[in-house]
Amino acid sequence: MHEVPSTELDAGAEFDRQVRGLVEAGFPSAAGLGEAEFRALVTPLREQAVALGARECDPAAGRVPFVLVLTREVVAVEEAMRLTVLRGGREPGFVDRSFEPGSLERFTATKEVRLPGDPKAYLLVGVERGEEFCGVVPQEALDAIAARGRTALTIEEGIALLALFPQVLVKNKCFSLGGSRCGDRRVPAIWISRRAPKLGWCWVGNPHTWLGMASAAGRRAAG
């Protein structure tokens, strides 16, 4: 995976890096697509990336200008997690066994998320890891994010952020994904376990000093 340093990026070049990173990580194969088919799926989004212009990118501080997101219709959540690793790590990411069989399918985007139409891929824009919310009750973090006109991340968006910017996931700066819920009190989150990324969940009323709430400014589809 090609990492990006802290700098002001050319959006077109950054989009190309993200596509290369997904290809090298094995996402086309996980989607059942050849590389050419995969590139044909995501390339229409390049125009949206270029329209963003040069943007500051500081993954180590948990801030990136945009992330190329693939929905679970393209790559299943479990498969996508297996394609993630920690920065400098080798152990593949995994889904915690606390998700009972069939429960991941019920964790879908909330009505507040407002996904762009019905795309298989889109851009998540103005992304923040959200460590300012470490130690904050998740529901209070979600309320604060909504008050700013921002949106919590879905499970797929969190996986995409990790896959393309592995340096955002570090000890004591992990993140919840409050944009995906299943109707109960659980909030999905990604943290570190067994030297690998783990997709688990925490209760919406329980704060954790090491777990913030990731958010974004919005989403853009092709066209």
Protein backbone atom coordinates (compact mmCIF):
# COMPACT_ATOMS: atom_id res chain seq x y z
CA MET A 1 0.00 0.00 0.00
CA HIS A 2 1.38 3.41 -0.99
CA GLU A 3 1.21 5.70 2.04
CA VAL A 4 0.85 9.44 1.76
CA PRO A 5 2.80 11.90 3.92
CA SER A 6 1.48 15.05 5.58
CA THR A 7 1.28 17.61 2.76
CA GLU A 8 -1.03 19.52 0.44
CA LEU A 9 -2.01 16.99 -2.20
CA ASP A 10 -2.93 17.17 -5.83
CA ALA A 11 -6.37 15.56 -5.76
CA GLY A 12 -6.01 13.72 -9.07
CA ALA A 13 -2.69 12.20 -8.06
CA GLU A 14 -4.14 11.19 -4.69
CA PHE A 15 -7.12 9.52 -6.36
CA ASP A 16 -4.75 7.53 -8.57
CA ARG A 17 -2.75 6.48 -5.49
CA GLN A 18 -5.89 5.25 -3.78
CA VAL A 19 -6.93 3.20 -6.80
CA ARG A 20 -3.46 1.63 -6.97
CA GLY A 21 -3.58 0.91 -3.26
CA LEU A 22 -6.91 -0.91 -3.51
CA VAL A 23 -5.69 -2.92 -6.50
CA GLU A 24 -2.47 -3.93 -4.73
CA ALA A 25 -4.36 -4.85 -1.56
CA GLY A 26 -6.55 -7.29 -3.50
CA PHE A 27 -9.91 -5.53 -3.57
CA PRO A 28 -10.63 -6.34 -7.24
CA SER A 29 -10.20 -10.05 -6.58
CA ALA A 30 -12.36 -9.82 -3.45
CA ALA A 31 -15.03 -8.17 -5.59
CA GLY A 32 -14.82 -10.90 -8.21
CA LEU A 33 -13.57 -8.40 -10.77
CA GLY A 34 -10.56 -8.18 -13.03
CA GLU A 35 -8.34 -5.15 -12.60
CA ALA A 36 -9.71 -3.50 -15.74
CA GLU A 37 -13.30 -4.00 -14.58
CA PHE A 38 -12.43 -2.62 -11.16
CA ARG A 39 -10.79 0.47 -12.60
CA ALA A 40 -13.80 1.01 -14.86
CA LEU A 41 -16.03 0.94 -11.78
CA VAL A 42 -14.10 3.58 -9.82
CA THR A 43 -12.52 5.80 -12.51
CA PRO A 44 -15.68 7.93 -13.04
CA LEU A 45 -15.08 9.27 -9.52
CA ARG A 46 -11.77 10.83 -10.50
CA GLU A 47 -13.52 13.90 -11.85
CA GLN A 48 -15.13 14.47 -8.46
CA ALA A 49 -11.74 14.14 -6.76
CA VAL A 50 -10.09 16.60 -9.14
CA ALA A 51 -12.88 19.10 -8.51
CA LEU A 52 -11.84 19.18 -4.85
CA GLY A 53 -8.51 20.75 -5.85
CA ALA A 54 -5.37 20.67 -3.72
CA ARG A 55 -6.21 19.78 -0.12
CA GLU A 56 -4.27 19.37 3.09
CA CYS A 57 -3.70 15.73 4.00
CA ASP A 58 -2.32 14.71 7.40
CA PRO A 59 -3.11 11.03 8.00
CA ALA A 60 -0.94 10.85 11.12
CA ALA A 61 -3.16 13.54 12.65
CA GLY A 62 -6.26 11.70 11.44
CA ARG A 63 -7.30 14.15 8.71
CA VAL A 64 -7.58 13.26 5.01
CA PRO A 65 -9.26 15.13 2.13
CA PHE A 66 -11.19 12.20 0.66
CA VAL A 67 -11.45 8.43 0.67
CA LEU A 68 -12.55 6.13 -2.15
CA VAL A 69 -15.28 3.92 -0.67
CA LEU A 70 -16.54 0.59 -1.97
CA THR A 71 -19.93 -0.56 -0.71
CA ARG A 72 -20.60 -4.02 0.67
CA GLU A 73 -22.39 -4.82 -2.60
CA VAL A 74 -18.93 -4.76 -4.18
CA VAL A 75 -16.85 -6.30 -1.38
CA ALA A 76 -18.39 -7.94 1.69
CA VAL A 77 -17.47 -6.42 5.05
CA GLU A 78 -15.63 -9.51 6.29
CA GLU A 79 -13.60 -9.74 3.09
CA ALA A 80 -12.74 -6.05 3.15
CA MET A 81 -11.55 -6.25 6.77
CA ARG A 82 -9.24 -9.13 5.86
CA LEU A 83 -7.52 -6.84 3.35
CA THR A 84 -6.57 -4.26 5.99
CA VAL A 85 -3.40 -4.18 8.09
CA LEU A 86 -1.84 -1.84 10.62
CA ARG A 87 0.88 0.50 9.43
CA GLY A 88 4.02 -1.61 9.27
CA GLY A 89 1.99 -4.67 10.27
CA ARG A 90 1.36 -8.01 8.62
CA GLU A 91 -1.62 -9.48 10.45
CA PRO A 92 -4.88 -9.14 8.50
CA GLY A 93 -7.84 -7.29 9.97
CA PHE A 94 -10.80 -9.28 11.25
CA VAL A 95 -14.39 -9.04 12.49
CA ASP A 96 -14.90 -9.69 16.19
CA ARG A 97 -16.90 -12.76 17.16
CA SER A 98 -19.20 -10.58 19.27
CA PHE A 99 -21.12 -9.97 16.04
CA GLU A 100 -23.59 -12.83 16.14
CA PRO A 101 -24.17 -14.69 12.84
CA GLY A 102 -26.09 -12.51 10.40
CA SER A 103 -25.84 -9.35 12.51
CA LEU A 104 -23.38 -7.50 10.26
CA GLU A 105 -25.99 -7.44 7.51
CA ARG A 106 -28.29 -5.54 9.88
CA PHE A 107 -25.74 -2.79 10.53
CA THR A 108 -26.75 -0.46 7.72
CA ALA A 109 -26.46 3.28 7.11
CA THR A 110 -28.68 5.41 9.34
CA LYS A 111 -31.19 7.85 7.86
CA GLU A 112 -28.91 10.73 8.92
CA VAL A 113 -26.07 9.43 6.74
CA ARG A 114 -27.78 10.10 3.38
CA LEU A 115 -25.72 7.95 1.04
CA PRO A 116 -25.45 9.40 -2.50
CA GLY A 117 -28.09 7.55 -4.51
CA ASP A 118 -27.31 3.88 -4.96
CA PRO A 119 -23.66 3.79 -6.06
CA LYS A 120 -21.27 0.89 -5.71
CA ALA A 121 -18.41 3.34 -5.11
CA TYR A 122 -18.23 6.98 -4.03
CA LEU A 123 -15.98 9.55 -2.37
CA LEU A 124 -16.12 10.35 1.33
CA VAL A 125 -14.93 13.95 1.73
CA GLY A 126 -13.28 15.87 4.57
CA VAL A 127 -12.59 12.90 6.83
CA GLU A 128 -11.51 13.16 10.47
CA ARG A 129 -10.53 10.28 12.77
CA GLY A 130 -12.26 12.07 15.66
CA GLU A 131 -9.92 11.52 18.61
CA GLU A 132 -11.35 14.66 20.20
CA PHE A 133 -14.24 12.39 21.16
CA CYS A 134 -12.08 9.89 23.05
CA GLY A 135 -13.64 9.55 26.49
CA VAL A 136 -16.95 11.03 25.28
CA VAL A 137 -20.19 9.06 25.40
CA PRO A 138 -20.78 7.91 21.78
CA GLN A 139 -24.29 9.37 21.62
CA GLU A 140 -22.97 12.75 22.76
CA ALA A 141 -20.24 12.53 20.09
CA LEU A 142 -22.86 11.79 17.43
CA ASP A 143 -24.93 14.76 18.57
CA ALA A 144 -21.89 17.06 18.38
CA ILE A 145 -21.01 15.82 14.89
CA ALA A 146 -24.57 16.40 13.67
CA ALA A 147 -24.58 19.92 15.18
CA ARG A 148 -21.54 20.74 13.04
CA GLY A 149 -23.32 19.62 9.89
CA ARG A 150 -21.01 16.63 9.57
CA THR A 151 -21.77 12.92 9.27
CA ALA A 152 -20.60 9.84 11.14
CA LEU A 153 -18.88 7.13 9.10
CA THR A 154 -20.44 3.82 8.09
CA ILE A 155 -18.68 0.48 8.50
CA GLU A 156 -17.65 0.43 4.84
CA GLU A 157 -16.31 3.97 5.11
CA GLY A 158 -14.25 3.14 8.17
CA ILE A 159 -12.74 0.12 6.45
CA ALA A 160 -11.91 2.23 3.38
CA LEU A 161 -10.23 4.86 5.56
CA LEU A 162 -8.11 2.20 7.24
CA ALA A 163 -7.28 0.39 3.99
CA LEU A 164 -6.07 3.54 2.25
CA PHE A 165 -4.55 5.34 5.25
CA PRO A 166 -3.37 2.63 7.68
CA GLN A 167 -1.50 5.21 9.74
CA VAL A 168 -4.80 6.61 11.07
CA LEU A 169 -5.30 3.58 13.34
CA VAL A 170 -2.94 3.83 16.29
CA LYS A 171 -3.04 2.97 19.97
CA ASN A 172 -5.40 5.19 21.97
CA LYS A 173 -6.68 6.87 18.78
CA CYS A 174 -9.12 4.32 17.42
CA PHE A 175 -12.56 5.27 16.11
CA SER A 176 -16.26 4.44 16.22
CA LEU A 177 -18.42 4.23 13.10
CA GLY A 178 -21.73 5.67 14.21
CA GLY A 179 -23.12 5.92 10.68
CA SER A 180 -23.98 2.20 10.71
CA ARG A 181 -26.52 0.95 13.24
CA CYS A 182 -28.82 -2.06 13.57
CA GLY A 183 -31.60 -0.64 15.74
CA ASP A 184 -30.11 -1.46 19.14
CA ARG A 185 -27.56 0.26 21.42
CA ARG A 186 -24.46 -1.05 19.65
CA VAL A 187 -22.10 1.27 17.75
CA PRO A 188 -19.52 -0.34 15.42
CA ALA A 189 -15.88 0.61 15.89
CA ILE A 190 -12.42 -0.28 14.64
CA TRP A 191 -9.57 -0.72 17.09
CA ILE A 192 -6.37 -2.75 17.52
CA SER A 193 -6.36 -6.32 18.81
CA ARG A 194 -3.80 -9.11 18.44
CA ARG A 195 -1.55 -6.72 16.44
CA ALA A 196 -4.27 -6.31 13.79
CA PRO A 197 -7.28 -4.09 13.03
CA LYS A 198 -10.50 -5.40 14.54
CA LEU A 199 -14.07 -4.45 13.68
CA GLY A 200 -16.12 -4.70 16.86
CA TRP A 201 -18.76 -2.68 18.66
CA CYS A 202 -19.33 -0.72 21.87
CA TRP A 203 -22.46 0.47 23.65
CA VAL A 204 -23.80 3.89 22.62
CA GLY A 205 -23.86 5.04 26.26
CA ASN A 206 -20.38 3.86 27.28
CA PRO A 207 -17.35 6.14 26.76
CA HIS A 208 -13.83 4.78 26.14
CA THR A 209 -10.67 6.82 26.58
CA TRP A 210 -9.09 5.19 23.50
CA LEU A 211 -12.08 5.37 21.15
CA GLY A 212 -13.23 8.51 19.31
CA MET A 213 -15.90 9.02 16.65
CA ALA A 214 -14.90 9.36 12.99
CA SER A 215 -16.76 11.85 10.82
CA ALA A 216 -16.79 13.45 7.38
CA ALA A 217 -18.01 16.60 5.68
CA GLY A 218 -20.02 14.71 3.05
CA ARG A 219 -20.11 12.25 0.16
CA ARG A 220 -19.87 12.56 -3.62
CA ALA A 221 -20.93 10.15 -6.32
CA ALA A 222 -19.88 10.17 -9.95
CA GLY A 223 -21.72 12.33 -12.45
